[in-house]
Amino acid sequence: QVQLVESGGGLVQRGGSLRLSCANSGYNYPFMAMSWHRQRPGKQRELVASITTGGIRSLVDSVKGRFTISIDNAKNAAYLQMNSLRREDTAVYYCYAHGLRPGSEYWGQGTQVTVSS
């Protein structure tokens, strides 16, 4: 059974930093891409950042210059370095990955990030 497990969330003060990790177990082929999504209170889930195994990155405008996404292809793992955190970054952050085979799409269970003033 394939699992993506996020870690690294928590409570941080405004302006602080957190590093989220997404670890994979059970998927023994390279992912094509991995991404981070978040769901803020009362909002729909939104894409924050994505990265392909070739290193092509995309970030939503609101986090550019503050967040960095990276990938470890050997581990099929992804990371999200979040700096200069703002209260509006408070959300549950989810990891997502997809592979080449049809149906190989996976979500993690989410990790809470709370930014206090």
N, C-alpha and C. Protein backbone atom coordinates (compact mmCIF):
# COMPACT_ATOMS: atom_id res chain seq x y z
N GLN A 1 0.84 -1.18 0.00
CA GLN A 1 0.00 0.00 0.00
C GLN A 1 0.89 1.24 0.00
N VAL A 2 0.56 2.18 -0.88
CA VAL A 2 1.36 3.39 -1.00
C VAL A 2 0.87 4.42 0.02
N GLN A 3 1.83 5.05 0.68
CA GLN A 3 1.50 6.10 1.63
C GLN A 3 2.44 7.28 1.45
N LEU A 4 1.86 8.46 1.51
CA LEU A 4 2.65 9.68 1.62
C LEU A 4 2.41 10.23 3.02
N VAL A 5 3.48 10.53 3.71
CA VAL A 5 3.37 11.00 5.08
C VAL A 5 4.07 12.34 5.22
N GLU A 6 3.28 13.36 5.58
CA GLU A 6 3.85 14.69 5.78
C GLU A 6 4.30 14.84 7.23
N SER A 7 5.29 15.67 7.41
CA SER A 7 5.76 16.01 8.75
C SER A 7 6.36 17.41 8.71
N GLY A 8 6.57 17.98 9.89
CA GLY A 8 7.22 19.28 9.97
C GLY A 8 6.30 20.44 10.25
N GLY A 9 5.01 20.18 10.28
CA GLY A 9 4.08 21.26 10.59
C GLY A 9 4.13 21.62 12.07
N GLY A 10 3.43 22.68 12.42
CA GLY A 10 3.40 23.09 13.81
C GLY A 10 2.98 24.54 13.95
N LEU A 11 3.23 25.07 15.13
CA LEU A 11 2.90 26.46 15.45
C LEU A 11 4.15 27.30 15.35
N VAL A 12 4.07 28.40 14.64
CA VAL A 12 5.22 29.27 14.46
C VAL A 12 4.74 30.72 14.49
N GLN A 13 5.62 31.60 14.93
CA GLN A 13 5.27 33.01 14.95
C GLN A 13 5.39 33.62 13.56
N ARG A 14 4.65 34.66 13.34
CA ARG A 14 4.73 35.39 12.07
C ARG A 14 6.18 35.78 11.80
N GLY A 15 6.60 35.55 10.58
CA GLY A 15 7.98 35.81 10.19
C GLY A 15 8.90 34.63 10.36
N GLY A 16 8.42 33.59 11.00
CA GLY A 16 9.24 32.42 11.24
C GLY A 16 9.29 31.48 10.05
N SER A 17 9.92 30.33 10.27
CA SER A 17 10.14 29.35 9.21
C SER A 17 9.74 27.95 9.66
N LEU A 18 9.35 27.16 8.69
CA LEU A 18 9.10 25.75 8.89
C LEU A 18 9.54 25.01 7.64
N ARG A 19 9.91 23.75 7.82
CA ARG A 19 10.25 22.91 6.67
C ARG A 19 9.37 21.66 6.73
N LEU A 20 8.55 21.52 5.71
CA LEU A 20 7.68 20.35 5.61
C LEU A 20 8.38 19.27 4.80
N SER A 21 8.16 18.04 5.22
CA SER A 21 8.70 16.89 4.50
C SER A 21 7.57 15.96 4.09
N CYS A 22 7.74 15.33 2.96
CA CYS A 22 6.77 14.35 2.47
C CYS A 22 7.53 13.08 2.14
N ALA A 23 7.31 12.05 2.94
CA ALA A 23 8.00 10.78 2.75
C ALA A 23 7.07 9.77 2.11
N ASN A 24 7.66 8.93 1.26
CA ASN A 24 6.88 7.93 0.54
C ASN A 24 7.22 6.53 1.05
N SER A 25 6.21 5.73 1.16
CA SER A 25 6.47 4.32 1.40
C SER A 25 5.56 3.51 0.51
N GLY A 26 6.09 2.46 -0.05
CA GLY A 26 5.29 1.54 -0.82
C GLY A 26 5.26 1.78 -2.32
N TYR A 27 5.74 2.93 -2.79
CA TYR A 27 5.76 3.20 -4.23
C TYR A 27 7.20 3.07 -4.69
N ASN A 28 7.44 2.06 -5.50
CA ASN A 28 8.81 1.71 -5.84
C ASN A 28 9.23 2.14 -7.23
N TYR A 29 8.50 3.08 -7.82
CA TYR A 29 8.84 3.63 -9.12
C TYR A 29 9.01 5.14 -8.96
N PRO A 30 9.72 5.77 -9.87
CA PRO A 30 9.87 7.22 -9.73
C PRO A 30 8.55 7.95 -9.95
N PHE A 31 8.26 8.92 -9.10
CA PHE A 31 7.13 9.79 -9.36
C PHE A 31 7.48 10.71 -10.53
N MET A 32 6.45 11.15 -11.25
CA MET A 32 6.67 12.13 -12.30
C MET A 32 6.79 13.53 -11.72
N ALA A 33 5.99 13.78 -10.70
CA ALA A 33 5.99 15.09 -10.07
C ALA A 33 5.42 14.98 -8.67
N MET A 34 5.79 15.94 -7.84
CA MET A 34 5.23 16.02 -6.49
C MET A 34 4.83 17.47 -6.25
N SER A 35 3.89 17.67 -5.37
CA SER A 35 3.42 19.02 -5.13
C SER A 35 2.90 19.15 -3.70
N TRP A 36 2.79 20.39 -3.31
CA TRP A 36 2.22 20.75 -2.00
C TRP A 36 0.95 21.57 -2.24
N HIS A 37 -0.06 21.23 -1.49
CA HIS A 37 -1.33 21.94 -1.55
C HIS A 37 -1.69 22.34 -0.13
N ARG A 38 -2.58 23.30 0.00
CA ARG A 38 -3.01 23.68 1.34
C ARG A 38 -4.50 24.00 1.33
N GLN A 39 -5.09 23.81 2.49
CA GLN A 39 -6.49 24.16 2.66
C GLN A 39 -6.60 25.05 3.88
N ARG A 40 -6.88 26.31 3.61
CA ARG A 40 -7.04 27.28 4.69
C ARG A 40 -8.45 27.20 5.23
N PRO A 41 -8.65 27.65 6.46
CA PRO A 41 -9.99 27.55 7.07
C PRO A 41 -11.06 28.21 6.19
N GLY A 42 -12.09 27.47 5.89
CA GLY A 42 -13.19 28.00 5.10
C GLY A 42 -12.92 28.13 3.62
N LYS A 43 -11.77 27.63 3.17
CA LYS A 43 -11.39 27.76 1.76
C LYS A 43 -11.24 26.38 1.12
N GLN A 44 -11.22 26.38 -0.20
CA GLN A 44 -10.96 25.14 -0.92
C GLN A 44 -9.46 24.85 -0.94
N ARG A 45 -9.15 23.61 -1.15
CA ARG A 45 -7.75 23.21 -1.25
C ARG A 45 -7.15 23.88 -2.49
N GLU A 46 -5.92 24.37 -2.33
CA GLU A 46 -5.26 25.06 -3.44
C GLU A 46 -3.83 24.57 -3.61
N LEU A 47 -3.36 24.62 -4.83
CA LEU A 47 -1.98 24.26 -5.12
C LEU A 47 -1.06 25.38 -4.65
N VAL A 48 0.01 25.00 -3.96
CA VAL A 48 0.99 25.97 -3.48
C VAL A 48 2.26 25.91 -4.31
N ALA A 49 2.76 24.69 -4.51
CA ALA A 49 4.03 24.54 -5.22
C ALA A 49 4.10 23.15 -5.81
N SER A 50 4.77 23.05 -6.95
CA SER A 50 4.95 21.75 -7.58
C SER A 50 6.35 21.64 -8.14
N ILE A 51 6.80 20.40 -8.31
CA ILE A 51 8.12 20.16 -8.87
C ILE A 51 8.11 18.83 -9.59
N THR A 52 8.76 18.79 -10.75
CA THR A 52 8.90 17.54 -11.49
C THR A 52 10.19 16.86 -11.08
N THR A 53 10.32 15.60 -11.46
CA THR A 53 11.56 14.90 -11.14
C THR A 53 12.73 15.51 -11.89
N GLY A 54 12.46 16.26 -12.95
CA GLY A 54 13.51 16.96 -13.67
C GLY A 54 13.86 18.30 -13.05
N GLY A 55 13.14 18.68 -11.98
CA GLY A 55 13.48 19.90 -11.26
C GLY A 55 12.75 21.15 -11.72
N ILE A 56 11.74 20.99 -12.54
CA ILE A 56 10.96 22.16 -12.98
C ILE A 56 9.99 22.52 -11.86
N ARG A 57 10.09 23.75 -11.40
CA ARG A 57 9.32 24.20 -10.24
C ARG A 57 8.24 25.21 -10.64
N SER A 58 7.19 25.21 -9.86
CA SER A 58 6.15 26.21 -10.03
C SER A 58 5.63 26.57 -8.64
N LEU A 59 5.44 27.87 -8.41
CA LEU A 59 4.95 28.35 -7.13
C LEU A 59 3.80 29.31 -7.36
N VAL A 60 2.83 29.28 -6.49
CA VAL A 60 1.75 30.26 -6.57
C VAL A 60 2.31 31.63 -6.19
N ASP A 61 1.77 32.68 -6.77
CA ASP A 61 2.35 34.02 -6.58
C ASP A 61 2.48 34.42 -5.12
N SER A 62 1.52 34.03 -4.30
CA SER A 62 1.51 34.48 -2.90
C SER A 62 2.66 33.93 -2.07
N VAL A 63 3.36 32.91 -2.57
CA VAL A 63 4.46 32.34 -1.79
C VAL A 63 5.81 32.51 -2.49
N LYS A 64 5.81 33.07 -3.66
CA LYS A 64 7.08 33.28 -4.37
C LYS A 64 7.99 34.18 -3.55
N GLY A 65 9.26 33.78 -3.49
CA GLY A 65 10.23 34.54 -2.70
C GLY A 65 10.26 34.14 -1.23
N ARG A 66 9.28 33.35 -0.81
CA ARG A 66 9.23 32.92 0.59
C ARG A 66 9.32 31.40 0.74
N PHE A 67 8.71 30.66 -0.17
CA PHE A 67 8.68 29.20 -0.11
C PHE A 67 9.58 28.62 -1.19
N THR A 68 10.17 27.49 -0.87
CA THR A 68 10.98 26.75 -1.83
C THR A 68 10.59 25.29 -1.80
N ILE A 69 10.37 24.71 -2.98
CA ILE A 69 10.06 23.29 -3.06
C ILE A 69 11.26 22.55 -3.60
N SER A 70 11.51 21.38 -3.04
CA SER A 70 12.61 20.56 -3.53
C SER A 70 12.18 19.09 -3.53
N ILE A 71 12.94 18.28 -4.24
CA ILE A 71 12.60 16.87 -4.38
C ILE A 71 13.85 16.03 -4.25
N ASP A 72 13.70 14.88 -3.64
CA ASP A 72 14.77 13.89 -3.57
C ASP A 72 14.31 12.70 -4.39
N ASN A 73 14.80 12.60 -5.61
CA ASN A 73 14.31 11.56 -6.52
C ASN A 73 14.65 10.15 -6.02
N ALA A 74 15.77 10.04 -5.35
CA ALA A 74 16.17 8.72 -4.86
C ALA A 74 15.21 8.19 -3.80
N LYS A 75 14.65 9.11 -3.05
CA LYS A 75 13.73 8.72 -1.98
C LYS A 75 12.26 8.91 -2.35
N ASN A 76 12.01 9.50 -3.52
CA ASN A 76 10.63 9.85 -3.85
C ASN A 76 10.04 10.70 -2.75
N ALA A 77 10.80 11.68 -2.31
CA ALA A 77 10.37 12.55 -1.22
C ALA A 77 10.39 14.00 -1.68
N ALA A 78 9.58 14.81 -1.04
CA ALA A 78 9.52 16.23 -1.37
C ALA A 78 9.56 17.06 -0.10
N TYR A 79 9.98 18.30 -0.28
CA TYR A 79 10.13 19.18 0.87
C TYR A 79 9.60 20.56 0.51
N LEU A 80 9.13 21.27 1.51
CA LEU A 80 8.68 22.64 1.32
C LEU A 80 9.28 23.49 2.42
N GLN A 81 10.25 24.32 2.04
CA GLN A 81 10.84 25.26 2.98
C GLN A 81 10.01 26.52 2.96
N MET A 82 9.49 26.88 4.12
CA MET A 82 8.60 28.04 4.21
C MET A 82 9.25 29.08 5.12
N ASN A 83 9.56 30.22 4.55
CA ASN A 83 10.17 31.33 5.30
C ASN A 83 9.22 32.52 5.33
N SER A 84 9.50 33.45 6.21
CA SER A 84 8.70 34.68 6.32
C SER A 84 7.21 34.36 6.36
N LEU A 85 6.87 33.43 7.21
CA LEU A 85 5.48 32.97 7.27
C LEU A 85 4.54 34.08 7.73
N ARG A 86 3.36 34.06 7.16
CA ARG A 86 2.31 35.05 7.45
C ARG A 86 1.11 34.33 8.03
N ARG A 87 0.25 35.09 8.67
CA ARG A 87 -0.93 34.48 9.27
C ARG A 87 -1.78 33.80 8.20
N GLU A 88 -1.80 34.36 7.01
CA GLU A 88 -2.62 33.78 5.94
C GLU A 88 -2.04 32.48 5.38
N ASP A 89 -0.86 32.10 5.85
CA ASP A 89 -0.31 30.80 5.47
C ASP A 89 -0.85 29.68 6.36
N THR A 90 -1.58 30.06 7.39
CA THR A 90 -2.18 29.05 8.27
C THR A 90 -3.11 28.15 7.48
N ALA A 91 -2.84 26.85 7.54
CA ALA A 91 -3.61 25.89 6.73
C ALA A 91 -3.16 24.48 7.06
N VAL A 92 -3.92 23.52 6.56
CA VAL A 92 -3.44 22.15 6.53
C VAL A 92 -2.73 21.96 5.19
N TYR A 93 -1.51 21.50 5.25
CA TYR A 93 -0.70 21.32 4.05
C TYR A 93 -0.66 19.84 3.67
N TYR A 94 -0.93 19.59 2.39
CA TYR A 94 -0.99 18.23 1.88
C TYR A 94 0.06 18.00 0.81
N CYS A 95 0.62 16.84 0.83
CA CYS A 95 1.55 16.41 -0.22
C CYS A 95 0.77 15.57 -1.24
N TYR A 96 1.14 15.73 -2.49
CA TYR A 96 0.51 14.97 -3.58
C TYR A 96 1.60 14.50 -4.52
N ALA A 97 1.43 13.31 -5.04
CA ALA A 97 2.40 12.78 -6.01
C ALA A 97 1.69 11.94 -7.05
N HIS A 98 2.22 11.94 -8.24
CA HIS A 98 1.68 11.04 -9.26
C HIS A 98 2.79 10.43 -10.07
N GLY A 99 2.55 9.21 -10.48
CA GLY A 99 3.54 8.48 -11.26
C GLY A 99 3.09 8.29 -12.69
N LEU A 100 3.82 7.46 -13.43
CA LEU A 100 3.53 7.24 -14.84
C LEU A 100 2.30 6.36 -15.05
N ARG A 101 2.12 5.39 -14.19
CA ARG A 101 1.06 4.42 -14.39
C ARG A 101 -0.31 5.05 -14.12
N PRO A 102 -1.32 4.74 -14.94
CA PRO A 102 -2.67 5.25 -14.67
C PRO A 102 -3.14 4.87 -13.28
N GLY A 103 -3.73 5.84 -12.60
CA GLY A 103 -4.21 5.58 -11.25
C GLY A 103 -3.19 5.77 -10.16
N SER A 104 -1.96 6.06 -10.53
CA SER A 104 -0.92 6.22 -9.51
C SER A 104 -0.87 7.67 -9.05
N GLU A 105 -1.91 8.04 -8.30
CA GLU A 105 -2.02 9.38 -7.73
C GLU A 105 -2.26 9.23 -6.24
N TYR A 106 -1.50 9.98 -5.46
CA TYR A 106 -1.54 9.76 -4.02
C TYR A 106 -1.55 11.08 -3.27
N TRP A 107 -2.29 11.10 -2.18
CA TRP A 107 -2.34 12.23 -1.26
C TRP A 107 -1.85 11.79 0.10
N GLY A 108 -1.19 12.71 0.80
CA GLY A 108 -0.88 12.49 2.19
C GLY A 108 -2.05 12.88 3.06
N GLN A 109 -1.91 12.67 4.36
CA GLN A 109 -3.02 12.92 5.28
C GLN A 109 -3.06 14.37 5.75
N GLY A 110 -2.01 15.13 5.46
CA GLY A 110 -1.98 16.54 5.82
C GLY A 110 -1.24 16.81 7.12
N THR A 111 -0.67 18.01 7.17
CA THR A 111 -0.01 18.46 8.40
C THR A 111 -0.41 19.92 8.65
N GLN A 112 -0.75 20.22 9.89
CA GLN A 112 -1.25 21.55 10.22
C GLN A 112 -0.10 22.54 10.39
N VAL A 113 -0.24 23.67 9.77
CA VAL A 113 0.67 24.80 9.97
C VAL A 113 -0.15 25.97 10.50
N THR A 114 0.26 26.47 11.65
CA THR A 114 -0.44 27.60 12.26
C THR A 114 0.55 28.71 12.51
N VAL A 115 0.25 29.88 11.97
CA VAL A 115 1.12 31.04 12.12
C VAL A 115 0.42 32.03 13.04
N SER A 116 1.07 32.34 14.14
CA SER A 116 0.49 33.26 15.12
C SER A 116 1.10 34.65 14.97
N SER A 117 0.35 35.63 15.40
CA SER A 117 0.85 37.01 15.29
C SER A 117 1.71 37.37 16.48
